Every structure is written in structure tokens, then in C-alpha cells.
Amino acid sequence: MREKKRHLFLIDDDKVSNLIVCRQIVNANKNVRITEFEDAQQALIYLTNPKNEHPDAILLDLFMPKADGWQFLELLKKSCLSIPIYIITVSLQPKDRRKARQYENVKNFFNKPLETNSIQALI
């Protein structure tokens, strides 16, 4: 019997970073499907549509134009969707890590570029 493909959402406006992260994840586990969003608002619109499939987890960048990762987390919290979130960011600020812990959905916080052990934790 085939194992169900794990479905991840990657929400990040950086196309180069997305390409690298997707390649790293798929190389580590071929049984992963990734849906990319370059805009947090678009991802939220998709997620709040009851007809759409929800991912097993979301990889979320914090710094994006329009709606950033923090705004996304707030809106997701209000929508009552319980999807595990893994923050992937260039931020090295301890205050960002502390703030991320305030969100129940946030399961972990990783810095870019992702290391092999971080990728294993994501999948």
C-alpha cells in the first residue's frame, strides 16, 4: 500500500529561497508535495475556503510585503484553523523566536538557509 504524500504549504515571497527549500525537501523525501504561495493573503484566502484541501503543515516566512508572517498568524488564529506552522526566516532576533512561541500552531522556528537536520524535522 502506498504511503499518502505529505502536503506542505510554503508561504514566502522569495522565489530563489522557495526553489532551494522545495529542492531540499523533495531531495530528502520524494513523498512530499509542496504548494507555494508568494503572498500570505492569497494563502489565507485559499485556506479559509471550505472547498479547498488543507496542508499537513505550513512553512512560513516572516518578512513579506502586503501581509507578513505575523499578520498571517493572527488571521489564521482568528479563523480557528489548527494547522502546524514551521517558521523559516532569515531573522536572528531572539524577540522573533519569543513572539513565535505565543502562537499555539507554531511548532518550530528555523533560520534560512535550512540545514539537513531542519529539513528532517519539517518532513
PDB file of N, CA and C in Angstrom:
ATOM      1  N   MET A   1       0.843  -1.177   0.000  1.00  0.00           N
ATOM      2  CA  MET A   1       0.000   0.000   0.000  1.00  0.00           C
ATOM      3  C   MET A   1       0.897   1.253   0.000  1.00  0.00           C
ATOM      4  N   ARG A   2       0.554   2.199  -0.834  1.00  0.00           N
ATOM      5  CA  ARG A   2       1.351   3.426  -0.944  1.00  0.00           C
ATOM      6  C   ARG A   2       1.078   4.367   0.221  1.00  0.00           C
ATOM      7  N   GLU A   3       2.152   4.965   0.688  1.00  0.00           N
ATOM      8  CA  GLU A   3       2.042   5.953   1.749  1.00  0.00           C
ATOM      9  C   GLU A   3       1.484   7.249   1.156  1.00  0.00           C
ATOM     10  N   LYS A   4       0.576   7.897   1.892  1.00  0.00           N
ATOM     11  CA  LYS A   4      -0.002   9.154   1.436  1.00  0.00           C
ATOM     12  C   LYS A   4       1.090  10.233   1.387  1.00  0.00           C
ATOM     13  N   LYS A   5       1.079  10.985   0.293  1.00  0.00           N
ATOM     14  CA  LYS A   5       2.042  12.086   0.180  1.00  0.00           C
ATOM     15  C   LYS A   5       1.738  13.150   1.224  1.00  0.00           C
ATOM     16  N   ARG A   6       2.760  13.591   1.898  1.00  0.00           N
ATOM     17  CA  ARG A   6       2.621  14.687   2.862  1.00  0.00           C
ATOM     18  C   ARG A   6       2.513  15.979   2.057  1.00  0.00           C
ATOM     19  N   HIS A   7       1.548  16.809   2.407  1.00  0.00           N
ATOM     20  CA  HIS A   7       1.305  18.050   1.675  1.00  0.00           C
ATOM     21  C   HIS A   7       1.717  19.234   2.537  1.00  0.00           C
ATOM     22  N   LEU A   8       2.641  20.049   2.026  1.00  0.00           N
ATOM     23  CA  LEU A   8       3.112  21.236   2.724  1.00  0.00           C
ATOM     24  C   LEU A   8       2.770  22.486   1.923  1.00  0.00           C
ATOM     25  N   PHE A   9       2.455  23.561   2.632  1.00  0.00           N
ATOM     26  CA  PHE A   9       2.350  24.878   2.011  1.00  0.00           C
ATOM     27  C   PHE A   9       3.632  25.620   2.342  1.00  0.00           C
ATOM     28  N   LEU A  10       4.193  26.287   1.359  1.00  0.00           N
ATOM     29  CA  LEU A  10       5.352  27.146   1.553  1.00  0.00           C
ATOM     30  C   LEU A  10       4.902  28.564   1.241  1.00  0.00           C
ATOM     31  N   ILE A  11       4.927  29.422   2.260  1.00  0.00           N
ATOM     32  CA  ILE A  11       4.486  30.808   2.091  1.00  0.00           C
ATOM     33  C   ILE A  11       5.704  31.707   2.270  1.00  0.00           C
ATOM     34  N   ASP A  12       6.205  32.211   1.139  1.00  0.00           N
ATOM     35  CA  ASP A  12       7.420  33.023   1.135  1.00  0.00           C
ATOM     36  C   ASP A  12       7.464  33.783  -0.186  1.00  0.00           C
ATOM     37  N   ASP A  13       7.791  35.057  -0.139  1.00  0.00           N
ATOM     38  CA  ASP A  13       7.818  35.872  -1.353  1.00  0.00           C
ATOM     39  C   ASP A  13       9.137  35.772  -2.116  1.00  0.00           C
ATOM     40  N   ASP A  14      10.113  35.090  -1.560  1.00  0.00           N
ATOM     41  CA  ASP A  14      11.433  34.986  -2.180  1.00  0.00           C
ATOM     42  C   ASP A  14      11.495  33.751  -3.084  1.00  0.00           C
ATOM     43  N   LYS A  15      11.426  33.974  -4.397  1.00  0.00           N
ATOM     44  CA  LYS A  15      11.386  32.865  -5.360  1.00  0.00           C
ATOM     45  C   LYS A  15      12.625  31.978  -5.292  1.00  0.00           C
ATOM     46  N   VAL A  16      13.787  32.585  -5.123  1.00  0.00           N
ATOM     47  CA  VAL A  16      15.026  31.813  -5.063  1.00  0.00           C
ATOM     48  C   VAL A  16      15.029  30.934  -3.812  1.00  0.00           C
ATOM     49  N   SER A  17      14.649  31.514  -2.695  1.00  0.00           N
ATOM     50  CA  SER A  17      14.578  30.750  -1.450  1.00  0.00           C
ATOM     51  C   SER A  17      13.577  29.602  -1.584  1.00  0.00           C
ATOM     52  N   ASN A  18      12.439  29.866  -2.212  1.00  0.00           N
ATOM     53  CA  ASN A  18      11.420  28.823  -2.409  1.00  0.00           C
ATOM     54  C   ASN A  18      11.978  27.670  -3.237  1.00  0.00           C
ATOM     55  N   LEU A  19      12.680  27.996  -4.284  1.00  0.00           N
ATOM     56  CA  LEU A  19      13.266  26.967  -5.134  1.00  0.00           C
ATOM     57  C   LEU A  19      14.227  26.092  -4.337  1.00  0.00           C
ATOM     58  N   ILE A  20      15.068  26.730  -3.540  1.00  0.00           N
ATOM     59  CA  ILE A  20      16.045  25.988  -2.737  1.00  0.00           C
ATOM     60  C   ILE A  20      15.352  25.118  -1.694  1.00  0.00           C
ATOM     61  N   VAL A  21      14.400  25.689  -0.968  1.00  0.00           N
ATOM     62  CA  VAL A  21      13.691  24.939   0.077  1.00  0.00           C
ATOM     63  C   VAL A  21      12.938  23.759  -0.530  1.00  0.00           C
ATOM     64  N   CYS A  22      12.238  23.988  -1.622  1.00  0.00           N
ATOM     65  CA  CYS A  22      11.494  22.901  -2.278  1.00  0.00           C
ATOM     66  C   CYS A  22      12.433  21.783  -2.709  1.00  0.00           C
ATOM     67  N   ARG A  23      13.530  22.156  -3.309  1.00  0.00           N
ATOM     68  CA  ARG A  23      14.500  21.155  -3.782  1.00  0.00           C
ATOM     69  C   ARG A  23      15.074  20.363  -2.607  1.00  0.00           C
ATOM     70  N   GLN A  24      15.410  21.056  -1.514  1.00  0.00           N
ATOM     71  CA  GLN A  24      15.958  20.385  -0.337  1.00  0.00           C
ATOM     72  C   GLN A  24      14.955  19.379   0.237  1.00  0.00           C
ATOM     73  N   ILE A  25      13.706  19.787   0.335  1.00  0.00           N
ATOM     74  CA  ILE A  25      12.680  18.922   0.922  1.00  0.00           C
ATOM     75  C   ILE A  25      12.420  17.709   0.041  1.00  0.00           C
ATOM     76  N   VAL A  26      12.243  17.932  -1.248  1.00  0.00           N
ATOM     77  CA  VAL A  26      11.963  16.823  -2.164  1.00  0.00           C
ATOM     78  C   VAL A  26      13.153  15.871  -2.252  1.00  0.00           C
ATOM     79  N   ASN A  27      14.368  16.402  -2.200  1.00  0.00           N
ATOM     80  CA  ASN A  27      15.548  15.534  -2.199  1.00  0.00           C
ATOM     81  C   ASN A  27      15.617  14.678  -0.931  1.00  0.00           C
ATOM     82  N   ALA A  28      15.125  15.219   0.171  1.00  0.00           N
ATOM     83  CA  ALA A  28      15.139  14.476   1.440  1.00  0.00           C
ATOM     84  C   ALA A  28      14.004  13.458   1.509  1.00  0.00           C
ATOM     85  N   ASN A  29      12.893  13.749   0.828  1.00  0.00           N
ATOM     86  CA  ASN A  29      11.740  12.849   0.878  1.00  0.00           C
ATOM     87  C   ASN A  29      10.877  13.072  -0.363  1.00  0.00           C
ATOM     88  N   LYS A  30      10.889  12.112  -1.251  1.00  0.00           N
ATOM     89  CA  LYS A  30      10.124  12.221  -2.511  1.00  0.00           C
ATOM     90  C   LYS A  30       8.616  12.149  -2.281  1.00  0.00           C
ATOM     91  N   ASN A  31       8.226  11.758  -1.077  1.00  0.00           N
ATOM     92  CA  ASN A  31       6.811  11.584  -0.773  1.00  0.00           C
ATOM     93  C   ASN A  31       6.202  12.849  -0.169  1.00  0.00           C
ATOM     94  N   VAL A  32       6.663  14.011  -0.647  1.00  0.00           N
ATOM     95  CA  VAL A  32       6.166  15.301  -0.165  1.00  0.00           C
ATOM     96  C   VAL A  32       5.704  16.114  -1.361  1.00  0.00           C
ATOM     97  N   ARG A  33       4.553  16.724  -1.216  1.00  0.00           N
ATOM     98  CA  ARG A  33       4.029  17.639  -2.243  1.00  0.00           C
ATOM     99  C   ARG A  33       4.008  19.031  -1.626  1.00  0.00           C
ATOM    100  N   ILE A  34       4.493  20.020  -2.368  1.00  0.00           N
ATOM    101  CA  ILE A  34       4.583  21.387  -1.856  1.00  0.00           C
ATOM    102  C   ILE A  34       3.770  22.319  -2.733  1.00  0.00           C
ATOM    103  N   THR A  35       2.909  23.096  -2.087  1.00  0.00           N
ATOM    104  CA  THR A  35       2.164  24.148  -2.773  1.00  0.00           C
ATOM    105  C   THR A  35       2.748  25.476  -2.305  1.00  0.00           C
ATOM    106  N   GLU A  36       3.173  26.297  -3.267  1.00  0.00           N
ATOM    107  CA  GLU A  36       3.824  27.566  -2.944  1.00  0.00           C
ATOM    108  C   GLU A  36       2.858  28.739  -3.051  1.00  0.00           C
ATOM    109  N   PHE A  37       2.998  29.657  -2.106  1.00  0.00           N
ATOM    110  CA  PHE A  37       2.295  30.943  -2.145  1.00  0.00           C
ATOM    111  C   PHE A  37       3.337  32.025  -1.906  1.00  0.00           C
ATOM    112  N   GLU A  38       3.350  33.033  -2.762  1.00  0.00           N
ATOM    113  CA  GLU A  38       4.292  34.141  -2.584  1.00  0.00           C
ATOM    114  C   GLU A  38       3.645  35.300  -1.834  1.00  0.00           C
ATOM    115  N   ASP A  39       2.414  35.099  -1.415  1.00  0.00           N
ATOM    116  CA  ASP A  39       1.648  36.148  -0.757  1.00  0.00           C
ATOM    117  C   ASP A  39       0.829  35.496   0.373  1.00  0.00           C
ATOM    118  N   ALA A  40       1.023  35.960   1.590  1.00  0.00           N
ATOM    119  CA  ALA A  40       0.327  35.388   2.750  1.00  0.00           C
ATOM    120  C   ALA A  40      -1.193  35.574   2.649  1.00  0.00           C
ATOM    121  N   GLN A  41      -1.634  36.670   2.066  1.00  0.00           N
ATOM    122  CA  GLN A  41      -3.074  36.904   1.918  1.00  0.00           C
ATOM    123  C   GLN A  41      -3.703  35.861   1.007  1.00  0.00           C
ATOM    124  N   GLN A  42      -3.020  35.535  -0.086  1.00  0.00           N
ATOM    125  CA  GLN A  42      -3.540  34.523  -1.013  1.00  0.00           C
ATOM    126  C   GLN A  42      -3.628  33.163  -0.324  1.00  0.00           C
ATOM    127  N   ALA A  43      -2.637  32.841   0.460  1.00  0.00           N
ATOM    128  CA  ALA A  43      -2.653  31.567   1.188  1.00  0.00           C
ATOM    129  C   ALA A  43      -3.824  31.517   2.161  1.00  0.00           C
ATOM    130  N   LEU A  44      -4.066  32.614   2.838  1.00  0.00           N
ATOM    131  CA  LEU A  44      -5.173  32.654   3.798  1.00  0.00           C
ATOM    132  C   LEU A  44      -6.522  32.547   3.100  1.00  0.00           C
ATOM    133  N   ILE A  45      -6.665  33.207   1.972  1.00  0.00           N
ATOM    134  CA  ILE A  45      -7.908  33.104   1.186  1.00  0.00           C
ATOM    135  C   ILE A  45      -8.129  31.646   0.788  1.00  0.00           C
ATOM    136  N   TYR A  46      -7.074  31.002   0.334  1.00  0.00           N
ATOM    137  CA  TYR A  46      -7.172  29.586  -0.055  1.00  0.00           C
ATOM    138  C   TYR A  46      -7.582  28.730   1.148  1.00  0.00           C
ATOM    139  N   LEU A  47      -6.922  28.937   2.270  1.00  0.00           N
ATOM    140  CA  LEU A  47      -7.165  28.115   3.454  1.00  0.00           C
ATOM    141  C   LEU A  47      -8.565  28.289   4.034  1.00  0.00           C
ATOM    142  N   THR A  48      -9.114  29.477   3.928  1.00  0.00           N
ATOM    143  CA  THR A  48     -10.429  29.727   4.526  1.00  0.00           C
ATOM    144  C   THR A  48     -11.584  29.347   3.607  1.00  0.00           C
ATOM    145  N   ASN A  49     -11.277  28.907   2.404  1.00  0.00           N
ATOM    146  CA  ASN A  49     -12.311  28.402   1.506  1.00  0.00           C
ATOM    147  C   ASN A  49     -12.575  26.943   1.887  1.00  0.00           C
ATOM    148  N   PRO A  50     -13.780  26.636   2.346  1.00  0.00           N
ATOM    149  CA  PRO A  50     -14.054  25.264   2.820  1.00  0.00           C
ATOM    150  C   PRO A  50     -13.939  24.191   1.735  1.00  0.00           C
ATOM    151  N   LYS A  51     -13.915  24.582   0.483  1.00  0.00           N
ATOM    152  CA  LYS A  51     -13.801  23.606  -0.612  1.00  0.00           C
ATOM    153  C   LYS A  51     -12.358  23.152  -0.836  1.00  0.00           C
ATOM    154  N   ASN A  52     -11.409  23.903  -0.297  1.00  0.00           N
ATOM    155  CA  ASN A  52     -10.004  23.621  -0.558  1.00  0.00           C
ATOM    156  C   ASN A  52      -9.398  22.684   0.485  1.00  0.00           C
ATOM    157  N   GLU A  53      -8.473  21.869   0.020  1.00  0.00           N
ATOM    158  CA  GLU A  53      -7.739  20.932   0.876  1.00  0.00           C
ATOM    159  C   GLU A  53      -6.751  21.690   1.752  1.00  0.00           C
ATOM    160  N   HIS A  54      -6.656  21.279   3.004  1.00  0.00           N
ATOM    161  CA  HIS A  54      -5.688  21.884   3.909  1.00  0.00           C
ATOM    162  C   HIS A  54      -4.394  21.075   3.899  1.00  0.00           C
ATOM    163  N   PRO A  55      -3.274  21.739   4.103  1.00  0.00           N
ATOM    164  CA  PRO A  55      -1.990  21.029   4.116  1.00  0.00           C
ATOM    165  C   PRO A  55      -1.770  20.323   5.450  1.00  0.00           C
ATOM    166  N   ASP A  56      -0.783  19.459   5.463  1.00  0.00           N
ATOM    167  CA  ASP A  56      -0.376  18.809   6.714  1.00  0.00           C
ATOM    168  C   ASP A  56       0.403  19.784   7.595  1.00  0.00           C
ATOM    169  N   ALA A  57       1.070  20.751   6.959  1.00  0.00           N
ATOM    170  CA  ALA A  57       1.846  21.759   7.687  1.00  0.00           C
ATOM    171  C   ALA A  57       2.115  22.942   6.764  1.00  0.00           C
ATOM    172  N   ILE A  58       2.459  24.068   7.382  1.00  0.00           N
ATOM    173  CA  ILE A  58       2.777  25.288   6.636  1.00  0.00           C
ATOM    174  C   ILE A  58       4.179  25.739   7.011  1.00  0.00           C
ATOM    175  N   LEU A  59       4.975  26.034   5.995  1.00  0.00           N
ATOM    176  CA  LEU A  59       6.298  26.642   6.172  1.00  0.00           C
ATOM    177  C   LEU A  59       6.105  28.127   5.888  1.00  0.00           C
ATOM    178  N   LEU A  60       6.376  28.952   6.857  1.00  0.00           N
ATOM    179  CA  LEU A  60       6.024  30.370   6.771  1.00  0.00           C
ATOM    180  C   LEU A  60       7.217  31.286   6.978  1.00  0.00           C
ATOM    181  N   ASP A  61       7.427  32.166   6.016  1.00  0.00           N
ATOM    182  CA  ASP A  61       8.419  33.227   6.172  1.00  0.00           C
ATOM    183  C   ASP A  61       7.769  34.348   6.974  1.00  0.00           C
ATOM    184  N   LEU A  62       8.564  35.112   7.701  1.00  0.00           N
ATOM    185  CA  LEU A  62       8.007  36.206   8.500  1.00  0.00           C
ATOM    186  C   LEU A  62       7.944  37.526   7.752  1.00  0.00           C
ATOM    187  N   PHE A  63       8.902  37.768   6.883  1.00  0.00           N
ATOM    188  CA  PHE A  63       9.013  39.091   6.267  1.00  0.00           C
ATOM    189  C   PHE A  63       8.625  39.054   4.805  1.00  0.00           C
ATOM    190  N   MET A  64       7.417  39.566   4.534  1.00  0.00           N
ATOM    191  CA  MET A  64       6.882  39.618   3.176  1.00  0.00           C
ATOM    192  C   MET A  64       6.114  40.924   3.010  1.00  0.00           C
ATOM    193  N   PRO A  65       6.010  41.418   1.777  1.00  0.00           N
ATOM    194  CA  PRO A  65       5.181  42.604   1.547  1.00  0.00           C
ATOM    195  C   PRO A  65       3.703  42.238   1.663  1.00  0.00           C
ATOM    196  N   LYS A  66       2.859  43.211   1.640  1.00  0.00           N
ATOM    197  CA  LYS A  66       1.405  43.059   1.792  1.00  0.00           C
ATOM    198  C   LYS A  66       1.094  42.561   3.193  1.00  0.00           C
ATOM    199  N   ALA A  67       1.020  41.259   3.381  1.00  0.00           N
ATOM    200  CA  ALA A  67       0.789  40.696   4.711  1.00  0.00           C
ATOM    201  C   ALA A  67       2.021  39.889   5.094  1.00  0.00           C
ATOM    202  N   ASP A  68       2.594  40.200   6.253  1.00  0.00           N
ATOM    203  CA  ASP A  68       3.776  39.451   6.669  1.00  0.00           C
ATOM    204  C   ASP A  68       3.354  38.202   7.451  1.00  0.00           C
ATOM    205  N   GLY A  69       4.340  37.439   7.881  1.00  0.00           N
ATOM    206  CA  GLY A  69       4.063  36.196   8.589  1.00  0.00           C
ATOM    207  C   GLY A  69       3.305  36.409   9.886  1.00  0.00           C
ATOM    208  N   TRP A  70       3.591  37.507  10.589  1.00  0.00           N
ATOM    209  CA  TRP A  70       2.889  37.780  11.847  1.00  0.00           C
ATOM    210  C   TRP A  70       1.405  38.051  11.589  1.00  0.00           C
ATOM    211  N   GLN A  71       1.113  38.816  10.564  1.00  0.00           N
ATOM    212  CA  GLN A  71      -0.296  39.079  10.221  1.00  0.00           C
ATOM    213  C   GLN A  71      -0.990  37.781   9.826  1.00  0.00           C
ATOM    214  N   PHE A  72      -0.292  36.948   9.070  1.00  0.00           N
ATOM    215  CA  PHE A  72      -0.849  35.656   8.676  1.00  0.00           C
ATOM    216  C   PHE A  72      -1.186  34.829   9.921  1.00  0.00           C
ATOM    217  N   LEU A  73      -0.266  34.770  10.873  1.00  0.00           N
ATOM    218  CA  LEU A  73      -0.503  34.000  12.097  1.00  0.00           C
ATOM    219  C   LEU A  73      -1.707  34.516  12.868  1.00  0.00           C
ATOM    220  N   GLU A  74      -1.842  35.828  12.949  1.00  0.00           N
ATOM    221  CA  GLU A  74      -3.001  36.417  13.640  1.00  0.00           C
ATOM    222  C   GLU A  74      -4.311  36.054  12.944  1.00  0.00           C
ATOM    223  N   LEU A  75      -4.330  36.186  11.630  1.00  0.00           N
ATOM    224  CA  LEU A  75      -5.552  35.883  10.880  1.00  0.00           C
ATOM    225  C   LEU A  75      -5.872  34.387  10.914  1.00  0.00           C
ATOM    226  N   LEU A  76      -4.855  33.561  10.871  1.00  0.00           N
ATOM    227  CA  LEU A  76      -5.074  32.125  10.954  1.00  0.00           C
ATOM    228  C   LEU A  76      -5.649  31.756  12.324  1.00  0.00           C
ATOM    229  N   LYS A  77      -5.139  32.397  13.349  1.00  0.00           N
ATOM    230  CA  LYS A  77      -5.628  32.170  14.715  1.00  0.00           C
ATOM    231  C   LYS A  77      -7.121  32.520  14.815  1.00  0.00           C
ATOM    232  N   LYS A  78      -7.503  33.626  14.218  1.00  0.00           N
ATOM    233  CA  LYS A  78      -8.912  34.052  14.238  1.00  0.00           C
ATOM    234  C   LYS A  78      -9.804  33.110  13.441  1.00  0.00           C
ATOM    235  N   SER A  79      -9.234  32.451  12.445  1.00  0.00           N
ATOM    236  CA  SER A  79     -10.025  31.542  11.610  1.00  0.00           C
ATOM    237  C   SER A  79     -10.234  30.184  12.281  1.00  0.00           C
ATOM    238  N   CYS A  80      -9.546  29.952  13.402  1.00  0.00           N
ATOM    239  CA  CYS A  80      -9.656  28.705  14.174  1.00  0.00           C
ATOM    240  C   CYS A  80      -9.152  27.476  13.417  1.00  0.00           C
ATOM    241  N   LEU A  81      -8.322  27.667  12.414  1.00  0.00           N
ATOM    242  CA  LEU A  81      -7.716  26.527  11.718  1.00  0.00           C
ATOM    243  C   LEU A  81      -6.511  26.053  12.529  1.00  0.00           C
ATOM    244  N   SER A  82      -6.426  24.778  12.725  1.00  0.00           N
ATOM    245  CA  SER A  82      -5.346  24.210  13.527  1.00  0.00           C
ATOM    246  C   SER A  82      -4.379  23.453  12.621  1.00  0.00           C
ATOM    247  N   ILE A  83      -3.513  24.197  11.976  1.00  0.00           N
ATOM    248  CA  ILE A  83      -2.529  23.618  11.058  1.00  0.00           C
ATOM    249  C   ILE A  83      -1.139  23.905  11.633  1.00  0.00           C
ATOM    250  N   PRO A  84      -0.295  22.896  11.757  1.00  0.00           N
ATOM    251  CA  PRO A  84       1.055  23.139  12.278  1.00  0.00           C
ATOM    252  C   PRO A  84       1.830  24.114  11.384  1.00  0.00           C
ATOM    253  N   ILE A  85       2.502  25.060  12.031  1.00  0.00           N
ATOM    254  CA  ILE A  85       3.283  26.081  11.331  1.00  0.00           C
ATOM    255  C   ILE A  85       4.753  25.929  11.714  1.00  0.00           C
ATOM    256  N   TYR A  86       5.603  25.969  10.697  1.00  0.00           N
ATOM    257  CA  TYR A  86       7.049  25.980  10.903  1.00  0.00           C
ATOM    258  C   TYR A  86       7.564  27.265  10.287  1.00  0.00           C
ATOM    259  N   ILE A  87       8.095  28.127  11.108  1.00  0.00           N
ATOM    260  CA  ILE A  87       8.612  29.397  10.613  1.00  0.00           C
ATOM    261  C   ILE A  87      10.001  29.165  10.031  1.00  0.00           C
ATOM    262  N   ILE A  88      10.202  29.688   8.818  1.00  0.00           N
ATOM    263  CA  ILE A  88      11.525  29.668   8.184  1.00  0.00           C
ATOM    264  C   ILE A  88      11.850  31.116   7.832  1.00  0.00           C
ATOM    265  N   THR A  89      12.923  31.627   8.385  1.00  0.00           N
ATOM    266  CA  THR A  89      13.202  33.044   8.256  1.00  0.00           C
ATOM    267  C   THR A  89      14.698  33.344   8.305  1.00  0.00           C
ATOM    268  N   VAL A  90      15.048  34.516   7.863  1.00  0.00           N
ATOM    269  CA  VAL A  90      16.428  34.993   7.984  1.00  0.00           C
ATOM    270  C   VAL A  90      16.632  35.706   9.323  1.00  0.00           C
ATOM    271  N   SER A  91      15.559  35.945  10.050  1.00  0.00           N
ATOM    272  CA  SER A  91      15.652  36.672  11.316  1.00  0.00           C
ATOM    273  C   SER A  91      16.478  35.912  12.341  1.00  0.00           C
ATOM    274  N   LEU A  92      17.400  36.611  12.940  1.00  0.00           N
ATOM    275  CA  LEU A  92      18.210  36.049  14.024  1.00  0.00           C
ATOM    276  C   LEU A  92      17.829  36.689  15.364  1.00  0.00           C
ATOM    277  N   GLN A  93      16.748  37.456  15.358  1.00  0.00           N
ATOM    278  CA  GLN A  93      16.331  38.189  16.548  1.00  0.00           C
ATOM    279  C   GLN A  93      15.665  37.278  17.578  1.00  0.00           C
ATOM    280  N   PRO A  94      16.182  37.223  18.792  1.00  0.00           N
ATOM    281  CA  PRO A  94      15.549  36.417  19.842  1.00  0.00           C
ATOM    282  C   PRO A  94      14.088  36.822  20.086  1.00  0.00           C
ATOM    283  N   LYS A  95      13.768  38.110  19.902  1.00  0.00           N
ATOM    284  CA  LYS A  95      12.383  38.559  20.127  1.00  0.00           C
ATOM    285  C   LYS A  95      11.420  37.887  19.142  1.00  0.00           C
ATOM    286  N   ASP A  96      11.890  37.585  17.929  1.00  0.00           N
ATOM    287  CA  ASP A  96      11.028  36.899  16.962  1.00  0.00           C
ATOM    288  C   ASP A  96      10.752  35.469  17.410  1.00  0.00           C
ATOM    289  N   ARG A  97      11.758  34.807  17.950  1.00  0.00           N
ATOM    290  CA  ARG A  97      11.561  33.443  18.475  1.00  0.00           C
ATOM    291  C   ARG A  97      10.571  33.461  19.646  1.00  0.00           C
ATOM    292  N   ARG A  98      10.734  34.436  20.539  1.00  0.00           N
ATOM    293  CA  ARG A  98       9.815  34.546  21.689  1.00  0.00           C
ATOM    294  C   ARG A  98       8.391  34.816  21.217  1.00  0.00           C
ATOM    295  N   LYS A  99       8.262  35.716  20.264  1.00  0.00           N
ATOM    296  CA  LYS A  99       6.936  36.054  19.745  1.00  0.00           C
ATOM    297  C   LYS A  99       6.293  34.839  19.073  1.00  0.00           C
ATOM    298  N   ALA A 100       7.071  34.073  18.342  1.00  0.00           N
ATOM    299  CA  ALA A 100       6.552  32.890  17.643  1.00  0.00           C
ATOM    300  C   ALA A 100       5.988  31.872  18.634  1.00  0.00           C
ATOM    301  N   ARG A 101       6.608  31.760  19.801  1.00  0.00           N
ATOM    302  CA  ARG A 101       6.146  30.800  20.818  1.00  0.00           C
ATOM    303  C   ARG A 101       4.766  31.147  21.364  1.00  0.00           C
ATOM    304  N   GLN A 102       4.302  32.369  21.129  1.00  0.00           N
ATOM    305  CA  GLN A 102       2.983  32.790  21.603  1.00  0.00           C
ATOM    306  C   GLN A 102       1.858  32.201  20.765  1.00  0.00           C
ATOM    307  N   TYR A 103       2.187  31.640  19.631  1.00  0.00           N
ATOM    308  CA  TYR A 103       1.177  31.066  18.742  1.00  0.00           C
ATOM    309  C   TYR A 103       1.168  29.547  18.903  1.00  0.00           C
ATOM    310  N   GLU A 104       0.029  29.031  19.282  1.00  0.00           N
ATOM    311  CA  GLU A 104      -0.112  27.592  19.526  1.00  0.00           C
ATOM    312  C   GLU A 104       0.235  26.753  18.301  1.00  0.00           C
ATOM    313  N   ASN A 105      -0.085  27.248  17.109  1.00  0.00           N
ATOM    314  CA  ASN A 105       0.161  26.492  15.874  1.00  0.00           C
ATOM    315  C   ASN A 105       1.635  26.408  15.513  1.00  0.00           C
ATOM    316  N   VAL A 106       2.449  27.343  15.998  1.00  0.00           N
ATOM    317  CA  VAL A 106       3.865  27.361  15.637  1.00  0.00           C
ATOM    318  C   VAL A 106       4.584  26.237  16.383  1.00  0.00           C
ATOM    319  N   LYS A 107       5.095  25.300  15.609  1.00  0.00           N
ATOM    320  CA  LYS A 107       5.747  24.112  16.176  1.00  0.00           C
ATOM    321  C   LYS A 107       7.257  24.249  16.259  1.00  0.00           C
ATOM    322  N   ASN A 108       7.839  25.065  15.360  1.00  0.00           N
ATOM    323  CA  ASN A 108       9.285  25.238  15.394  1.00  0.00           C
ATOM    324  C   ASN A 108       9.675  26.476  14.593  1.00  0.00           C
ATOM    325  N   PHE A 109      10.899  26.901  14.750  1.00  0.00           N
ATOM    326  CA  PHE A 109      11.421  28.130  14.165  1.00  0.00           C
ATOM    327  C   PHE A 109      12.792  27.799  13.581  1.00  0.00           C
ATOM    328  N   PHE A 110      12.934  27.953  12.267  1.00  0.00           N
ATOM    329  CA  PHE A 110      14.193  27.617  11.594  1.00  0.00           C
ATOM    330  C   PHE A 110      14.733  28.835  10.868  1.00  0.00           C
ATOM    331  N   ASN A 111      16.061  28.931  10.854  1.00  0.00           N
ATOM    332  CA  ASN A 111      16.705  30.003  10.108  1.00  0.00           C
ATOM    333  C   ASN A 111      17.091  29.523   8.725  1.00  0.00           C
ATOM    334  N   LYS A 112      17.001  30.459   7.770  1.00  0.00           N
ATOM    335  CA  LYS A 112      17.462  30.187   6.409  1.00  0.00           C
ATOM    336  C   LYS A 112      18.946  30.477   6.359  1.00  0.00           C
ATOM    337  N   PRO A 113      19.674  29.766   5.583  1.00  0.00           N
ATOM    338  CA  PRO A 113      19.272  28.599   4.795  1.00  0.00           C
ATOM    339  C   PRO A 113      19.053  27.394   5.712  1.00  0.00           C
ATOM    340  N   LEU A 114      18.147  26.539   5.293  1.00  0.00           N
ATOM    341  CA  LEU A 114      17.821  25.367   6.099  1.00  0.00           C
ATOM    342  C   LEU A 114      18.966  24.363   6.083  1.00  0.00           C
ATOM    343  N   GLU A 115      19.202  23.780   7.229  1.00  0.00           N
ATOM    344  CA  GLU A 115      20.215  22.733   7.351  1.00  0.00           C
ATOM    345  C   GLU A 115      19.525  21.380   7.239  1.00  0.00           C
ATOM    346  N   THR A 116      20.291  20.337   7.013  1.00  0.00           N
ATOM    347  CA  THR A 116      19.747  18.995   6.822  1.00  0.00           C
ATOM    348  C   THR A 116      18.880  18.559   7.997  1.00  0.00           C
ATOM    349  N   ASN A 117      19.320  18.809   9.223  1.00  0.00           N
ATOM    350  CA  ASN A 117      18.523  18.402  10.385  1.00  0.00           C
ATOM    351  C   ASN A 117      17.220  19.186  10.478  1.00  0.00           C
ATOM    352  N   SER A 118      17.207  20.420  10.014  1.00  0.00           N
ATOM    353  CA  SER A 118      15.977  21.213   9.994  1.00  0.00           C
ATOM    354  C   SER A 118      14.984  20.631   8.993  1.00  0.00           C
ATOM    355  N   ILE A 119      15.477  20.215   7.848  1.00  0.00           N
ATOM    356  CA  ILE A 119      14.622  19.628   6.821  1.00  0.00           C
ATOM    357  C   ILE A 119      14.005  18.331   7.332  1.00  0.00           C
ATOM    358  N   GLN A 120      14.776  17.525   8.004  1.00  0.00           N
ATOM    359  CA  GLN A 120      14.263  16.282   8.571  1.00  0.00           C
ATOM    360  C   GLN A 120      13.150  16.572   9.589  1.00  0.00           C
ATOM    361  N   ALA A 121      13.290  17.626  10.362  1.00  0.00           N
ATOM    362  CA  ALA A 121      12.260  17.994  11.341  1.00  0.00           C
ATOM    363  C   ALA A 121      10.984  18.467  10.658  1.00  0.00           C
ATOM    364  N   LEU A 122      11.112  19.046   9.480  1.00  0.00           N
ATOM    365  CA  LEU A 122       9.944  19.541   8.744  1.00  0.00           C
ATOM    366  C   LEU A 122       9.134  18.416   8.105  1.00  0.00           C
ATOM    367  N   ILE A 123       9.822  17.374   7.685  1.00  0.00           N
ATOM    368  CA  ILE A 123       9.136  16.303   6.978  1.00  0.00           C
ATOM    369  C   ILE A 123       8.987  15.081   7.856  1.00  0.00           C
TER     370      ILE A 123
END
